[in-house]
Each structure stands twice: as C-alpha cells, then as structure tokens.
Amino acid sequence: MSQPDYRDEGPEEAPLDPAAQRVQAKLKRLLLGSSLIMFAGFIAVFAAILYKINSYEADPSGIAFTESVNVGPDAEVLQATLADGMMLVLIREGTTTALLRFDPANGKLLGRTAFIGR
C-alpha cells in the first residue's frame, strides 16, 4: 500500500499576521547576510592559500656562495641544503655521521653536530 497523502486533509494554514511577517522577513535578511559573510570568508581563505602557494620562492640564485668549503679529508658528503641563511652539509667520516653548518658567503664553519649511536 502506498503512503497516505495528508495534504488535502485538515485545516488550511492561516495566513501570518503582519508582525510575524516582519519577523520572518527580518530572519530571511539575517540569513542572507550571514551567508554572504561566510561565503566571503571562504573566498578570503582560499585566496590566501593560493597566494602563499604561488608566492613561494626557493631560488637561491641571488645568494652569494663560496667556491669551496672544507669538510675534512676523509668525509663523504651525503646531503647539502640551504636553510635560514646557512648551508647545512651532512657528512659521513668513517663510521660517524655529522651535520656541518657553514656561512654560504665565505665558507666559514659555524658549527658541527655529531650523531652518536648508543
């Protein structure tokens, strides 16, 4: 059996009085305004994300680099990178591994961190 249709049964809805119509219109305006503000917020967030993605510049061509750095006679360079104005070089000397921090402009050794297994 199909579901019964109750639309034609029962009393008709009474029209709203003028005060209720004003409240209903005010609520519709508030809903529209808050929806527009939320939509503008979403647009602003996505615009900021796209701006950050497109404005990222990792081109180190403008930085002056030294021609050579001294990492040690028996050191094997595993990795080198540039971060926060320092050149970071990961090396292996025999059985130990160390992280060397250099000034990229003059090649001066700023620090050394040895990794020791225990």
PDB file of N, CA and C in Angstrom:
ATOM      1  N   MET A   1       0.848  -1.170   0.000  1.00  0.00           N
ATOM      2  CA  MET A   1       0.000   0.000   0.000  1.00  0.00           C
ATOM      3  C   MET A   1       0.897   1.237   0.000  1.00  0.00           C
ATOM      4  N   SER A   2       0.496   2.241  -0.746  1.00  0.00           N
ATOM      5  CA  SER A   2       1.302   3.464  -0.825  1.00  0.00           C
ATOM      6  C   SER A   2       1.081   4.314   0.434  1.00  0.00           C
ATOM      7  N   GLN A   3       1.962   5.287   0.600  1.00  0.00           N
ATOM      8  CA  GLN A   3       1.841   6.147   1.772  1.00  0.00           C
ATOM      9  C   GLN A   3       0.673   7.112   1.589  1.00  0.00           C
ATOM     10  N   PRO A   4      -0.058   7.360   2.654  1.00  0.00           N
ATOM     11  CA  PRO A   4      -1.226   8.234   2.534  1.00  0.00           C
ATOM     12  C   PRO A   4      -0.815   9.680   2.280  1.00  0.00           C
ATOM     13  N   ASP A   5      -1.664  10.423   1.640  1.00  0.00           N
ATOM     14  CA  ASP A   5      -1.429  11.836   1.334  1.00  0.00           C
ATOM     15  C   ASP A   5      -2.314  12.676   2.253  1.00  0.00           C
ATOM     16  N   TYR A   6      -1.698  13.399   3.166  1.00  0.00           N
ATOM     17  CA  TYR A   6      -2.438  14.183   4.155  1.00  0.00           C
ATOM     18  C   TYR A   6      -2.545  15.653   3.774  1.00  0.00           C
ATOM     19  N   ARG A   7      -2.098  16.019   2.596  1.00  0.00           N
ATOM     20  CA  ARG A   7      -2.089  17.441   2.243  1.00  0.00           C
ATOM     21  C   ARG A   7      -3.495  18.029   2.125  1.00  0.00           C
ATOM     22  N   ASP A   8      -4.413  17.255   1.659  1.00  0.00           N
ATOM     23  CA  ASP A   8      -5.748  17.797   1.470  1.00  0.00           C
ATOM     24  C   ASP A   8      -6.598  17.709   2.727  1.00  0.00           C
ATOM     25  N   GLU A   9      -6.139  16.968   3.716  1.00  0.00           N
ATOM     26  CA  GLU A   9      -6.925  16.817   4.930  1.00  0.00           C
ATOM     27  C   GLU A   9      -6.497  17.836   5.975  1.00  0.00           C
ATOM     28  N   GLY A  10      -7.348  18.162   6.869  1.00  0.00           N
ATOM     29  CA  GLY A  10      -7.023  19.044   7.970  1.00  0.00           C
ATOM     30  C   GLY A  10      -7.234  20.505   7.603  1.00  0.00           C
ATOM     31  N   PRO A  11      -7.108  21.369   8.584  1.00  0.00           N
ATOM     32  CA  PRO A  11      -7.354  22.788   8.349  1.00  0.00           C
ATOM     33  C   PRO A  11      -6.207  23.412   7.538  1.00  0.00           C
ATOM     34  N   GLU A  12      -6.538  24.365   6.747  1.00  0.00           N
ATOM     35  CA  GLU A  12      -5.538  25.117   5.976  1.00  0.00           C
ATOM     36  C   GLU A  12      -4.718  25.972   6.935  1.00  0.00           C
ATOM     37  N   GLU A  13      -3.482  26.257   6.527  1.00  0.00           N
ATOM     38  CA  GLU A  13      -2.653  27.129   7.366  1.00  0.00           C
ATOM     39  C   GLU A  13      -3.209  28.541   7.300  1.00  0.00           C
ATOM     40  N   ALA A  14      -3.289  29.138   8.448  1.00  0.00           N
ATOM     41  CA  ALA A  14      -3.788  30.501   8.500  1.00  0.00           C
ATOM     42  C   ALA A  14      -2.686  31.450   8.043  1.00  0.00           C
ATOM     43  N   PRO A  15      -3.033  32.523   7.350  1.00  0.00           N
ATOM     44  CA  PRO A  15      -2.009  33.486   6.933  1.00  0.00           C
ATOM     45  C   PRO A  15      -1.390  34.151   8.168  1.00  0.00           C
ATOM     46  N   LEU A  16      -0.131  34.532   8.023  1.00  0.00           N
ATOM     47  CA  LEU A  16       0.575  35.151   9.146  1.00  0.00           C
ATOM     48  C   LEU A  16       0.079  36.565   9.369  1.00  0.00           C
ATOM     49  N   ASP A  17       0.091  36.978  10.602  1.00  0.00           N
ATOM     50  CA  ASP A  17      -0.262  38.348  10.898  1.00  0.00           C
ATOM     51  C   ASP A  17       0.917  39.255  10.512  1.00  0.00           C
ATOM     52  N   PRO A  18       0.729  40.564  10.396  1.00  0.00           N
ATOM     53  CA  PRO A  18       1.793  41.468   9.934  1.00  0.00           C
ATOM     54  C   PRO A  18       3.047  41.442  10.817  1.00  0.00           C
ATOM     55  N   ALA A  19       2.903  41.273  12.111  1.00  0.00           N
ATOM     56  CA  ALA A  19       4.080  41.237  12.998  1.00  0.00           C
ATOM     57  C   ALA A  19       4.922  39.989  12.712  1.00  0.00           C
ATOM     58  N   ALA A  20       4.272  38.845  12.511  1.00  0.00           N
ATOM     59  CA  ALA A  20       5.004  37.620  12.209  1.00  0.00           C
ATOM     60  C   ALA A  20       5.656  37.699  10.839  1.00  0.00           C
ATOM     61  N   GLN A  21       5.001  38.380   9.877  1.00  0.00           N
ATOM     62  CA  GLN A  21       5.598  38.552   8.559  1.00  0.00           C
ATOM     63  C   GLN A  21       6.851  39.426   8.635  1.00  0.00           C
ATOM     64  N   ARG A  22       6.835  40.460   9.484  1.00  0.00           N
ATOM     65  CA  ARG A  22       8.017  41.312   9.646  1.00  0.00           C
ATOM     66  C   ARG A  22       9.170  40.523  10.261  1.00  0.00           C
ATOM     67  N   VAL A  23       8.853  39.693  11.250  1.00  0.00           N
ATOM     68  CA  VAL A  23       9.892  38.860  11.880  1.00  0.00           C
ATOM     69  C   VAL A  23      10.455  37.873  10.867  1.00  0.00           C
ATOM     70  N   GLN A  24       9.571  37.283  10.059  1.00  0.00           N
ATOM     71  CA  GLN A  24      10.028  36.330   9.048  1.00  0.00           C
ATOM     72  C   GLN A  24      10.921  37.031   8.013  1.00  0.00           C
ATOM     73  N   ALA A  25      10.561  38.215   7.589  1.00  0.00           N
ATOM     74  CA  ALA A  25      11.381  38.958   6.624  1.00  0.00           C
ATOM     75  C   ALA A  25      12.730  39.333   7.226  1.00  0.00           C
ATOM     76  N   LYS A  26      12.714  39.721   8.503  1.00  0.00           N
ATOM     77  CA  LYS A  26      13.975  40.081   9.171  1.00  0.00           C
ATOM     78  C   LYS A  26      14.892  38.868   9.282  1.00  0.00           C
ATOM     79  N   LEU A  27      14.336  37.706   9.610  1.00  0.00           N
ATOM     80  CA  LEU A  27      15.143  36.488   9.700  1.00  0.00           C
ATOM     81  C   LEU A  27      15.720  36.094   8.342  1.00  0.00           C
ATOM     82  N   LYS A  28      14.950  36.292   7.278  1.00  0.00           N
ATOM     83  CA  LYS A  28      15.453  36.000   5.929  1.00  0.00           C
ATOM     84  C   LYS A  28      16.627  36.919   5.588  1.00  0.00           C
ATOM     85  N   ARG A  29      16.527  38.204   5.939  1.00  0.00           N
ATOM     86  CA  ARG A  29      17.624  39.146   5.679  1.00  0.00           C
ATOM     87  C   ARG A  29      18.863  38.770   6.490  1.00  0.00           C
ATOM     88  N   LEU A  30      18.670  38.391   7.763  1.00  0.00           N
ATOM     89  CA  LEU A  30      19.803  37.972   8.586  1.00  0.00           C
ATOM     90  C   LEU A  30      20.472  36.718   8.031  1.00  0.00           C
ATOM     91  N   LEU A  31      19.675  35.776   7.563  1.00  0.00           N
ATOM     92  CA  LEU A  31      20.206  34.557   6.967  1.00  0.00           C
ATOM     93  C   LEU A  31      20.998  34.878   5.705  1.00  0.00           C
ATOM     94  N   LEU A  32      20.474  35.756   4.870  1.00  0.00           N
ATOM     95  CA  LEU A  32      21.184  36.149   3.655  1.00  0.00           C
ATOM     96  C   LEU A  32      22.499  36.854   3.991  1.00  0.00           C
ATOM     97  N   GLY A  33      22.453  37.762   4.954  1.00  0.00           N
ATOM     98  CA  GLY A  33      23.667  38.491   5.343  1.00  0.00           C
ATOM     99  C   GLY A  33      24.736  37.575   5.909  1.00  0.00           C
ATOM    100  N   SER A  34      24.353  36.672   6.795  1.00  0.00           N
ATOM    101  CA  SER A  34      25.351  35.768   7.386  1.00  0.00           C
ATOM    102  C   SER A  34      25.887  34.789   6.348  1.00  0.00           C
ATOM    103  N   SER A  35      25.050  34.387   5.402  1.00  0.00           N
ATOM    104  CA  SER A  35      25.522  33.502   4.335  1.00  0.00           C
ATOM    105  C   SER A  35      26.536  34.219   3.447  1.00  0.00           C
ATOM    106  N   LEU A  36      26.278  35.470   3.124  1.00  0.00           N
ATOM    107  CA  LEU A  36      27.226  36.238   2.315  1.00  0.00           C
ATOM    108  C   LEU A  36      28.548  36.445   3.043  1.00  0.00           C
ATOM    109  N   ILE A  37      28.489  36.704   4.339  1.00  0.00           N
ATOM    110  CA  ILE A  37      29.721  36.876   5.116  1.00  0.00           C
ATOM    111  C   ILE A  37      30.515  35.576   5.158  1.00  0.00           C
ATOM    112  N   MET A  38      29.847  34.449   5.339  1.00  0.00           N
ATOM    113  CA  MET A  38      30.545  33.165   5.358  1.00  0.00           C
ATOM    114  C   MET A  38      31.160  32.859   3.989  1.00  0.00           C
ATOM    115  N   PHE A  39      30.434  33.145   2.922  1.00  0.00           N
ATOM    116  CA  PHE A  39      30.951  32.932   1.570  1.00  0.00           C
ATOM    117  C   PHE A  39      32.183  33.811   1.330  1.00  0.00           C
ATOM    118  N   ALA A  40      32.134  35.074   1.761  1.00  0.00           N
ATOM    119  CA  ALA A  40      33.292  35.967   1.615  1.00  0.00           C
ATOM    120  C   ALA A  40      34.476  35.449   2.430  1.00  0.00           C
ATOM    121  N   GLY A  41      34.223  34.887   3.595  1.00  0.00           N
ATOM    122  CA  GLY A  41      35.303  34.313   4.407  1.00  0.00           C
ATOM    123  C   GLY A  41      35.960  33.132   3.714  1.00  0.00           C
ATOM    124  N   PHE A  42      35.158  32.252   3.111  1.00  0.00           N
ATOM    125  CA  PHE A  42      35.727  31.129   2.367  1.00  0.00           C
ATOM    126  C   PHE A  42      36.586  31.621   1.199  1.00  0.00           C
ATOM    127  N   ILE A  43      36.095  32.623   0.484  1.00  0.00           N
ATOM    128  CA  ILE A  43      36.854  33.178  -0.637  1.00  0.00           C
ATOM    129  C   ILE A  43      38.178  33.761  -0.136  1.00  0.00           C
ATOM    130  N   ALA A  44      38.158  34.459   0.993  1.00  0.00           N
ATOM    131  CA  ALA A  44      39.381  35.054   1.532  1.00  0.00           C
ATOM    132  C   ALA A  44      40.388  33.981   1.948  1.00  0.00           C
ATOM    133  N   VAL A  45      39.912  32.915   2.559  1.00  0.00           N
ATOM    134  CA  VAL A  45      40.814  31.834   2.980  1.00  0.00           C
ATOM    135  C   VAL A  45      41.446  31.166   1.768  1.00  0.00           C
ATOM    136  N   PHE A  46      40.647  30.846   0.765  1.00  0.00           N
ATOM    137  CA  PHE A  46      41.197  30.202  -0.428  1.00  0.00           C
ATOM    138  C   PHE A  46      42.126  31.142  -1.186  1.00  0.00           C
ATOM    139  N   ALA A  47      41.821  32.427  -1.210  1.00  0.00           N
ATOM    140  CA  ALA A  47      42.709  33.393  -1.857  1.00  0.00           C
ATOM    141  C   ALA A  47      44.050  33.471  -1.129  1.00  0.00           C
ATOM    142  N   ALA A  48      44.034  33.432   0.208  1.00  0.00           N
ATOM    143  CA  ALA A  48      45.281  33.462   0.973  1.00  0.00           C
ATOM    144  C   ALA A  48      46.104  32.196   0.729  1.00  0.00           C
ATOM    145  N   ILE A  49      45.444  31.057   0.650  1.00  0.00           N
ATOM    146  CA  ILE A  49      46.162  29.800   0.377  1.00  0.00           C
ATOM    147  C   ILE A  49      46.793  29.842  -1.004  1.00  0.00           C
ATOM    148  N   LEU A  50      46.047  30.272  -2.007  1.00  0.00           N
ATOM    149  CA  LEU A  50      46.597  30.360  -3.355  1.00  0.00           C
ATOM    150  C   LEU A  50      47.730  31.374  -3.434  1.00  0.00           C
ATOM    151  N   TYR A  51      47.617  32.483  -2.718  1.00  0.00           N
ATOM    152  CA  TYR A  51      48.690  33.479  -2.708  1.00  0.00           C
ATOM    153  C   TYR A  51      49.965  32.885  -2.115  1.00  0.00           C
ATOM    154  N   LYS A  52      49.846  32.174  -0.998  1.00  0.00           N
ATOM    155  CA  LYS A  52      51.026  31.568  -0.368  1.00  0.00           C
ATOM    156  C   LYS A  52      51.662  30.525  -1.269  1.00  0.00           C
ATOM    157  N   ILE A  53      50.850  29.735  -1.955  1.00  0.00           N
ATOM    158  CA  ILE A  53      51.383  28.703  -2.843  1.00  0.00           C
ATOM    159  C   ILE A  53      52.123  29.336  -4.013  1.00  0.00           C
ATOM    160  N   ASN A  54      51.552  30.378  -4.583  1.00  0.00           N
ATOM    161  CA  ASN A  54      52.136  30.979  -5.778  1.00  0.00           C
ATOM    162  C   ASN A  54      53.258  31.956  -5.487  1.00  0.00           C
ATOM    163  N   SER A  55      53.400  32.441  -4.268  1.00  0.00           N
ATOM    164  CA  SER A  55      54.441  33.419  -3.954  1.00  0.00           C
ATOM    165  C   SER A  55      55.677  32.787  -3.334  1.00  0.00           C
ATOM    166  N   TYR A  56      55.719  31.465  -3.230  1.00  0.00           N
ATOM    167  CA  TYR A  56      56.867  30.784  -2.647  1.00  0.00           C
ATOM    168  C   TYR A  56      58.046  30.864  -3.608  1.00  0.00           C
ATOM    169  N   GLU A  57      59.178  31.367  -3.131  1.00  0.00           N
ATOM    170  CA  GLU A  57      60.371  31.465  -3.966  1.00  0.00           C
ATOM    171  C   GLU A  57      61.522  30.788  -3.243  1.00  0.00           C
ATOM    172  N   ALA A  58      61.982  29.681  -3.803  1.00  0.00           N
ATOM    173  CA  ALA A  58      63.109  28.959  -3.224  1.00  0.00           C
ATOM    174  C   ALA A  58      64.315  29.033  -4.138  1.00  0.00           C
ATOM    175  N   ASP A  59      64.437  30.117  -4.890  1.00  0.00           N
ATOM    176  CA  ASP A  59      65.539  30.267  -5.827  1.00  0.00           C
ATOM    177  C   ASP A  59      66.727  30.892  -5.113  1.00  0.00           C
ATOM    178  N   PRO A  60      67.777  30.131  -4.849  1.00  0.00           N
ATOM    179  CA  PRO A  60      68.936  30.681  -4.156  1.00  0.00           C
ATOM    180  C   PRO A  60      69.925  31.363  -5.098  1.00  0.00           C
ATOM    181  N   SER A  61      69.513  31.720  -6.313  1.00  0.00           N
ATOM    182  CA  SER A  61      70.452  32.302  -7.269  1.00  0.00           C
ATOM    183  C   SER A  61      70.940  33.679  -6.836  1.00  0.00           C
ATOM    184  N   GLY A  62      70.194  34.388  -6.009  1.00  0.00           N
ATOM    185  CA  GLY A  62      70.610  35.709  -5.560  1.00  0.00           C
ATOM    186  C   GLY A  62      71.570  35.675  -4.385  1.00  0.00           C
ATOM    187  N   ILE A  63      71.848  34.509  -3.824  1.00  0.00           N
ATOM    188  CA  ILE A  63      72.718  34.389  -2.663  1.00  0.00           C
ATOM    189  C   ILE A  63      74.144  34.117  -3.133  1.00  0.00           C
ATOM    190  N   ALA A  64      75.082  34.825  -2.560  1.00  0.00           N
ATOM    191  CA  ALA A  64      76.488  34.613  -2.916  1.00  0.00           C
ATOM    192  C   ALA A  64      77.023  33.392  -2.176  1.00  0.00           C
ATOM    193  N   PHE A  65      77.600  32.443  -2.927  1.00  0.00           N
ATOM    194  CA  PHE A  65      78.161  31.231  -2.346  1.00  0.00           C
ATOM    195  C   PHE A  65      79.679  31.251  -2.480  1.00  0.00           C
ATOM    196  N   THR A  66      80.331  30.654  -1.501  1.00  0.00           N
ATOM    197  CA  THR A  66      81.768  30.485  -1.588  1.00  0.00           C
ATOM    198  C   THR A  66      82.093  29.396  -2.607  1.00  0.00           C
ATOM    199  N   GLU A  67      83.320  29.416  -3.120  1.00  0.00           N
ATOM    200  CA  GLU A  67      83.695  28.429  -4.129  1.00  0.00           C
ATOM    201  C   GLU A  67      83.935  27.052  -3.533  1.00  0.00           C
ATOM    202  N   SER A  68      84.438  26.995  -2.297  1.00  0.00           N
ATOM    203  CA  SER A  68      84.712  25.694  -1.689  1.00  0.00           C
ATOM    204  C   SER A  68      84.561  25.781  -0.175  1.00  0.00           C
ATOM    205  N   VAL A  69      84.269  24.641   0.421  1.00  0.00           N
ATOM    206  CA  VAL A  69      84.193  24.529   1.870  1.00  0.00           C
ATOM    207  C   VAL A  69      85.016  23.310   2.276  1.00  0.00           C
ATOM    208  N   ASN A  70      85.601  23.376   3.459  1.00  0.00           N
ATOM    209  CA  ASN A  70      86.439  22.299   3.961  1.00  0.00           C
ATOM    210  C   ASN A  70      85.602  21.407   4.873  1.00  0.00           C
ATOM    211  N   VAL A  71      85.328  20.169   4.418  1.00  0.00           N
ATOM    212  CA  VAL A  71      84.534  19.242   5.219  1.00  0.00           C
ATOM    213  C   VAL A  71      85.400  18.171   5.872  1.00  0.00           C
ATOM    214  N   GLY A  72      86.637  18.087   5.527  1.00  0.00           N
ATOM    215  CA  GLY A  72      87.530  17.087   6.110  1.00  0.00           C
ATOM    216  C   GLY A  72      88.110  16.194   5.024  1.00  0.00           C
ATOM    217  N   PRO A  73      89.284  15.601   5.294  1.00  0.00           N
ATOM    218  CA  PRO A  73      89.958  14.823   4.255  1.00  0.00           C
ATOM    219  C   PRO A  73      89.254  13.508   3.904  1.00  0.00           C
ATOM    220  N   ASP A  74      88.679  12.812   4.870  1.00  0.00           N
ATOM    221  CA  ASP A  74      88.052  11.519   4.584  1.00  0.00           C
ATOM    222  C   ASP A  74      86.525  11.569   4.728  1.00  0.00           C
ATOM    223  N   ALA A  75      85.939  12.764   4.552  1.00  0.00           N
ATOM    224  CA  ALA A  75      84.494  12.937   4.716  1.00  0.00           C
ATOM    225  C   ALA A  75      83.782  12.695   3.390  1.00  0.00           C
ATOM    226  N   GLU A  76      82.671  12.008   3.492  1.00  0.00           N
ATOM    227  CA  GLU A  76      81.810  11.771   2.338  1.00  0.00           C
ATOM    228  C   GLU A  76      80.547  12.614   2.532  1.00  0.00           C
ATOM    229  N   VAL A  77      80.274  13.503   1.579  1.00  0.00           N
ATOM    230  CA  VAL A  77      79.098  14.376   1.670  1.00  0.00           C
ATOM    231  C   VAL A  77      77.861  13.568   1.291  1.00  0.00           C
ATOM    232  N   LEU A  78      76.908  13.492   2.228  1.00  0.00           N
ATOM    233  CA  LEU A  78      75.674  12.751   1.987  1.00  0.00           C
ATOM    234  C   LEU A  78      74.572  13.659   1.456  1.00  0.00           C
ATOM    235  N   GLN A  79      74.517  14.889   1.980  1.00  0.00           N
ATOM    236  CA  GLN A  79      73.456  15.814   1.585  1.00  0.00           C
ATOM    237  C   GLN A  79      73.891  17.225   1.917  1.00  0.00           C
ATOM    238  N   ALA A  80      73.445  18.178   1.097  1.00  0.00           N
ATOM    239  CA  ALA A  80      73.699  19.592   1.358  1.00  0.00           C
ATOM    240  C   ALA A  80      72.432  20.372   1.051  1.00  0.00           C
ATOM    241  N   THR A  81      72.139  21.359   1.887  1.00  0.00           N
ATOM    242  CA  THR A  81      70.939  22.182   1.690  1.00  0.00           C
ATOM    243  C   THR A  81      71.180  23.572   2.262  1.00  0.00           C
ATOM    244  N   LEU A  82      70.314  24.492   1.887  1.00  0.00           N
ATOM    245  CA  LEU A  82      70.394  25.868   2.369  1.00  0.00           C
ATOM    246  C   LEU A  82      69.153  26.150   3.198  1.00  0.00           C
ATOM    247  N   ALA A  83      69.346  26.560   4.456  1.00  0.00           N
ATOM    248  CA  ALA A  83      68.213  26.848   5.340  1.00  0.00           C
ATOM    249  C   ALA A  83      68.573  27.971   6.286  1.00  0.00           C
ATOM    250  N   ASP A  84      67.691  28.960   6.378  1.00  0.00           N
ATOM    251  CA  ASP A  84      67.851  30.094   7.303  1.00  0.00           C
ATOM    252  C   ASP A  84      69.194  30.791   7.142  1.00  0.00           C
ATOM    253  N   GLY A  85      69.651  30.965   5.926  1.00  0.00           N
ATOM    254  CA  GLY A  85      70.904  31.674   5.678  1.00  0.00           C
ATOM    255  C   GLY A  85      72.143  30.872   6.009  1.00  0.00           C
ATOM    256  N   MET A  86      71.997  29.578   6.224  1.00  0.00           N
ATOM    257  CA  MET A  86      73.140  28.704   6.496  1.00  0.00           C
ATOM    258  C   MET A  86      73.145  27.569   5.489  1.00  0.00           C
ATOM    259  N   MET A  87      74.345  27.112   5.166  1.00  0.00           N
ATOM    260  CA  MET A  87      74.477  25.930   4.338  1.00  0.00           C
ATOM    261  C   MET A  87      74.680  24.750   5.278  1.00  0.00           C
ATOM    262  N   LEU A  88      73.789  23.774   5.204  1.00  0.00           N
ATOM    263  CA  LEU A  88      73.855  22.589   6.052  1.00  0.00           C
ATOM    264  C   LEU A  88      74.376  21.430   5.218  1.00  0.00           C
ATOM    265  N   VAL A  89      75.424  20.776   5.709  1.00  0.00           N
ATOM    266  CA  VAL A  89      76.054  19.681   4.982  1.00  0.00           C
ATOM    267  C   VAL A  89      76.083  18.469   5.906  1.00  0.00           C
ATOM    268  N   LEU A  90      75.499  17.372   5.454  1.00  0.00           N
ATOM    269  CA  LEU A  90      75.506  16.118   6.195  1.00  0.00           C
ATOM    270  C   LEU A  90      76.637  15.270   5.638  1.00  0.00           C
ATOM    271  N   ILE A  91      77.573  14.876   6.531  1.00  0.00           N
ATOM    272  CA  ILE A  91      78.738  14.125   6.076  1.00  0.00           C
ATOM    273  C   ILE A  91      78.874  12.828   6.863  1.00  0.00           C
ATOM    274  N   ARG A  92      79.638  11.901   6.291  1.00  0.00           N
ATOM    275  CA  ARG A  92      79.983  10.655   6.983  1.00  0.00           C
ATOM    276  C   ARG A  92      81.507  10.562   6.990  1.00  0.00           C
ATOM    277  N   GLU A  93      82.063  10.414   8.179  1.00  0.00           N
ATOM    278  CA  GLU A  93      83.505  10.239   8.352  1.00  0.00           C
ATOM    279  C   GLU A  93      83.725   8.883   9.009  1.00  0.00           C
ATOM    280  N   GLY A  94      84.088   7.911   8.213  1.00  0.00           N
ATOM    281  CA  GLY A  94      84.261   6.554   8.744  1.00  0.00           C
ATOM    282  C   GLY A  94      82.923   5.994   9.166  1.00  0.00           C
ATOM    283  N   THR A  95      82.763   5.784  10.481  1.00  0.00           N
ATOM    284  CA  THR A  95      81.506   5.228  10.995  1.00  0.00           C
ATOM    285  C   THR A  95      80.619   6.279  11.652  1.00  0.00           C
ATOM    286  N   THR A  96      81.066   7.521  11.728  1.00  0.00           N
ATOM    287  CA  THR A  96      80.265   8.583  12.358  1.00  0.00           C
ATOM    288  C   THR A  96      79.641   9.482  11.297  1.00  0.00           C
ATOM    289  N   THR A  97      78.523  10.048  11.662  1.00  0.00           N
ATOM    290  CA  THR A  97      77.812  10.991  10.794  1.00  0.00           C
ATOM    291  C   THR A  97      77.740  12.319  11.530  1.00  0.00           C
ATOM    292  N   ALA A  98      77.908  13.429  10.782  1.00  0.00           N
ATOM    293  CA  ALA A  98      77.903  14.753  11.399  1.00  0.00           C
ATOM    294  C   ALA A  98      77.174  15.737  10.497  1.00  0.00           C
ATOM    295  N   LEU A  99      76.637  16.762  11.124  1.00  0.00           N
ATOM    296  CA  LEU A  99      75.990  17.862  10.417  1.00  0.00           C
ATOM    297  C   LEU A  99      76.862  19.096  10.588  1.00  0.00           C
ATOM    298  N   LEU A 100      77.329  19.648   9.470  1.00  0.00           N
ATOM    299  CA  LEU A 100      78.172  20.841   9.493  1.00  0.00           C
ATOM    300  C   LEU A 100      77.346  22.031   9.033  1.00  0.00           C
ATOM    301  N   ARG A 101      77.505  23.168   9.742  1.00  0.00           N
ATOM    302  CA  ARG A 101      76.816  24.406   9.384  1.00  0.00           C
ATOM    303  C   ARG A 101      77.856  25.411   8.907  1.00  0.00           C
ATOM    304  N   PHE A 102      77.669  25.897   7.677  1.00  0.00           N
ATOM    305  CA  PHE A 102      78.599  26.842   7.076  1.00  0.00           C
ATOM    306  C   PHE A 102      77.898  28.145   6.755  1.00  0.00           C
ATOM    307  N   ASP A 103      78.690  29.251   6.766  1.00  0.00           N
ATOM    308  CA  ASP A 103      78.221  30.523   6.224  1.00  0.00           C
ATOM    309  C   ASP A 103      78.385  30.427   4.712  1.00  0.00           C
ATOM    310  N   PRO A 104      77.300  30.534   3.931  1.00  0.00           N
ATOM    311  CA  PRO A 104      77.427  30.314   2.493  1.00  0.00           C
ATOM    312  C   PRO A 104      78.235  31.391   1.768  1.00  0.00           C
ATOM    313  N   ALA A 105      78.361  32.578   2.343  1.00  0.00           N
ATOM    314  CA  ALA A 105      79.074  33.656   1.662  1.00  0.00           C
ATOM    315  C   ALA A 105      80.589  33.457   1.702  1.00  0.00           C
ATOM    316  N   ASN A 106      81.129  33.013   2.860  1.00  0.00           N
ATOM    317  CA  ASN A 106      82.588  32.900   2.968  1.00  0.00           C
ATOM    318  C   ASN A 106      83.077  31.484   3.255  1.00  0.00           C
ATOM    319  N   GLY A 107      82.201  30.535   3.459  1.00  0.00           N
ATOM    320  CA  GLY A 107      82.599  29.146   3.690  1.00  0.00           C
ATOM    321  C   GLY A 107      83.107  28.858   5.086  1.00  0.00           C
ATOM    322  N   LYS A 108      82.904  29.784   6.025  1.00  0.00           N
ATOM    323  CA  LYS A 108      83.379  29.603   7.396  1.00  0.00           C
ATOM    324  C   LYS A 108      82.489  28.580   8.117  1.00  0.00           C
ATOM    325  N   LEU A 109      83.120  27.659   8.837  1.00  0.00           N
ATOM    326  CA  LEU A 109      82.390  26.646   9.612  1.00  0.00           C
ATOM    327  C   LEU A 109      81.788  27.313  10.844  1.00  0.00           C
ATOM    328  N   LEU A 110      80.458  27.274  10.946  1.00  0.00           N
ATOM    329  CA  LEU A 110      79.756  27.893  12.070  1.00  0.00           C
ATOM    330  C   LEU A 110      79.522  26.909  13.210  1.00  0.00           C
ATOM    331  N   GLY A 111      79.406  25.644  12.901  1.00  0.00           N
ATOM    332  CA  GLY A 111      79.157  24.664  13.951  1.00  0.00           C
ATOM    333  C   GLY A 111      79.157  23.256  13.396  1.00  0.00           C
ATOM    334  N   ARG A 112      79.275  22.310  14.309  1.00  0.00           N
ATOM    335  CA  ARG A 112      79.304  20.901  13.931  1.00  0.00           C
ATOM    336  C   ARG A 112      78.497  20.122  14.973  1.00  0.00           C
ATOM    337  N   THR A 113      77.639  19.227  14.496  1.00  0.00           N
ATOM    338  CA  THR A 113      76.854  18.361  15.350  1.00  0.00           C
ATOM    339  C   THR A 113      77.138  16.927  14.944  1.00  0.00           C
ATOM    340  N   ALA A 114      77.663  16.153  15.874  1.00  0.00           N
ATOM    341  CA  ALA A 114      77.966  14.741  15.594  1.00  0.00           C
ATOM    342  C   ALA A 114      76.791  13.885  16.053  1.00  0.00           C
ATOM    343  N   PHE A 115      76.453  12.889  15.251  1.00  0.00           N
ATOM    344  CA  PHE A 115      75.411  11.941  15.587  1.00  0.00           C
ATOM    345  C   PHE A 115      76.072  10.680  16.108  1.00  0.00           C
ATOM    346  N   ILE A 116      75.777  10.335  17.360  1.00  0.00           N
ATOM    347  CA  ILE A 116      76.424   9.203  18.015  1.00  0.00           C
ATOM    348  C   ILE A 116      75.344   8.181  18.356  1.00  0.00           C
ATOM    349  N   GLY A 117      75.565   6.936  17.907  1.00  0.00           N
ATOM    350  CA  GLY A 117      74.640   5.864  18.259  1.00  0.00           C
ATOM    351  C   GLY A 117      75.014   5.272  19.608  1.00  0.00           C
ATOM    352  N   ARG A 118      74.034   5.008  20.449  1.00  0.00           N
ATOM    353  CA  ARG A 118      74.324   4.444  21.770  1.00  0.00           C
ATOM    354  C   ARG A 118      73.647   3.127  21.921  1.00  0.00           C
TER     355      ARG A 118
END
